[in-house]
């Protein structure tokens, strides 16, 4: 899992000798942090993610979305039926 050449540092060394551990990280690229003698973490330098400038974000059609939420108008026949029902009351 780990290469034999990989440098290790303990949690205590991180707390007390961080500049030395940081130099190891810069030199080696990765440092395995041990906790109670067992490998627990790997620390490596941060590299920012590459930005994908080729793909443009998809435009949202807010008006179409609004129309999809609105109730559908009733037909003329249904409207007449409602008016006829009101007259009976």
Protein backbone atom coordinates (compact mmCIF):
# COMPACT_ATOMS: atom_id res chain seq x y z
CA UNK A 1 0.00 0.00 0.00
CA UNK A 2 2.71 2.52 0.97
CA UNK A 3 6.11 2.76 -0.62
CA UNK A 4 9.07 2.09 1.64
CA UNK A 5 10.70 5.37 0.57
CA UNK A 6 7.73 7.43 1.75
CA UNK A 7 8.52 9.61 4.74
CA UNK A 8 6.50 9.31 7.93
CA UNK A 9 5.73 11.70 10.75
CA UNK A 10 3.79 11.22 13.94
CA UNK A 11 0.88 13.32 15.15
CA UNK A 12 3.14 14.63 17.90
CA UNK A 13 5.68 15.78 15.32
CA UNK A 14 2.94 17.64 13.48
CA UNK A 15 2.11 19.54 16.66
CA UNK A 16 5.65 20.27 17.80
CA UNK A 17 7.81 20.29 14.65
CA UNK A 18 5.46 21.34 11.86
CA UNK A 19 8.04 23.38 9.90
CA UNK A 20 10.22 20.24 9.58
CA UNK A 21 7.22 18.16 8.50
CA UNK A 22 6.23 20.85 5.99
CA UNK A 23 9.73 20.71 4.51
CA UNK A 24 9.39 16.91 4.21
CA UNK A 25 6.07 17.36 2.40
CA UNK A 26 7.60 19.85 -0.02
CA UNK A 27 10.61 17.57 -0.67
CA UNK A 28 8.86 14.19 -0.85
CA UNK A 29 5.43 15.21 -2.13
CA UNK A 30 3.60 13.10 0.47
CA UNK A 31 4.08 12.27 4.13
CA UNK A 32 2.33 9.46 6.00
CA UNK A 33 1.12 10.57 9.42
CA UNK A 34 1.15 7.85 12.04
CA UNK A 35 -1.00 7.66 15.13
CA UNK A 36 0.18 5.25 17.85
CA UNK A 37 2.53 3.62 15.38
CA UNK A 38 -0.16 2.93 12.75
CA UNK A 39 -0.43 4.81 9.47
CA UNK A 40 -3.51 7.03 9.75
CA UNK A 41 -3.34 9.86 7.23
CA UNK A 42 -1.50 11.04 4.13
CA UNK A 43 -0.62 14.70 3.80
CA UNK A 44 0.18 16.08 0.37
CA UNK A 45 0.45 19.62 -1.02
CA UNK A 46 -2.78 21.23 -2.15
CA UNK A 47 -3.28 21.59 -5.89
CA UNK A 48 -6.28 23.66 -6.98
CA UNK A 49 -8.71 21.92 -9.35
CA UNK A 50 -8.49 22.83 -13.01
CA UNK A 51 -11.31 25.01 -14.26
CA UNK A 52 -13.31 23.67 -17.16
CA UNK A 53 -13.89 26.72 -19.32
CA UNK A 54 -15.14 24.85 -22.39
CA UNK A 55 -18.54 23.90 -21.01
CA UNK A 56 -20.95 26.76 -20.41
CA UNK A 57 -23.57 26.40 -17.71
CA UNK A 58 -26.99 25.46 -18.97
CA UNK A 59 -29.43 28.38 -19.04
CA UNK A 60 -32.61 27.90 -17.05
CA UNK A 61 -35.87 28.92 -18.70
CA UNK A 62 -37.60 30.40 -15.67
CA UNK A 63 -40.70 31.43 -17.60
CA UNK A 64 -41.31 27.89 -18.89
CA UNK A 65 -40.79 26.56 -15.39
CA UNK A 66 -43.29 29.07 -14.02
CA UNK A 67 -45.86 28.10 -16.65
CA UNK A 68 -45.46 24.44 -15.76
CA UNK A 69 -46.48 25.22 -12.16
CA UNK A 70 -49.53 27.28 -13.13
CA UNK A 71 -52.92 25.56 -13.38
CA UNK A 72 -54.26 24.87 -16.84
CA UNK A 73 -57.25 26.98 -17.92
CA UNK A 74 -60.60 25.20 -17.99
CA UNK A 75 -62.45 24.62 -21.22
CA UNK A 76 -65.45 26.73 -22.31
CA UNK A 77 -67.73 23.75 -21.79
CA UNK A 78 -66.51 23.26 -18.22
CA UNK A 79 -66.97 26.98 -17.57
CA UNK A 80 -70.59 26.84 -18.81
CA UNK A 81 -71.23 23.79 -16.62
CA UNK A 82 -69.95 25.67 -13.58
CA UNK A 83 -72.14 28.68 -14.41
CA UNK A 84 -75.17 26.43 -14.83
CA UNK A 85 -74.44 24.79 -11.50
CA UNK A 86 -74.31 28.19 -9.77
CA UNK A 87 -77.74 29.09 -11.11
CA UNK A 88 -79.25 26.03 -9.43
CA UNK A 89 -78.27 27.20 -5.98
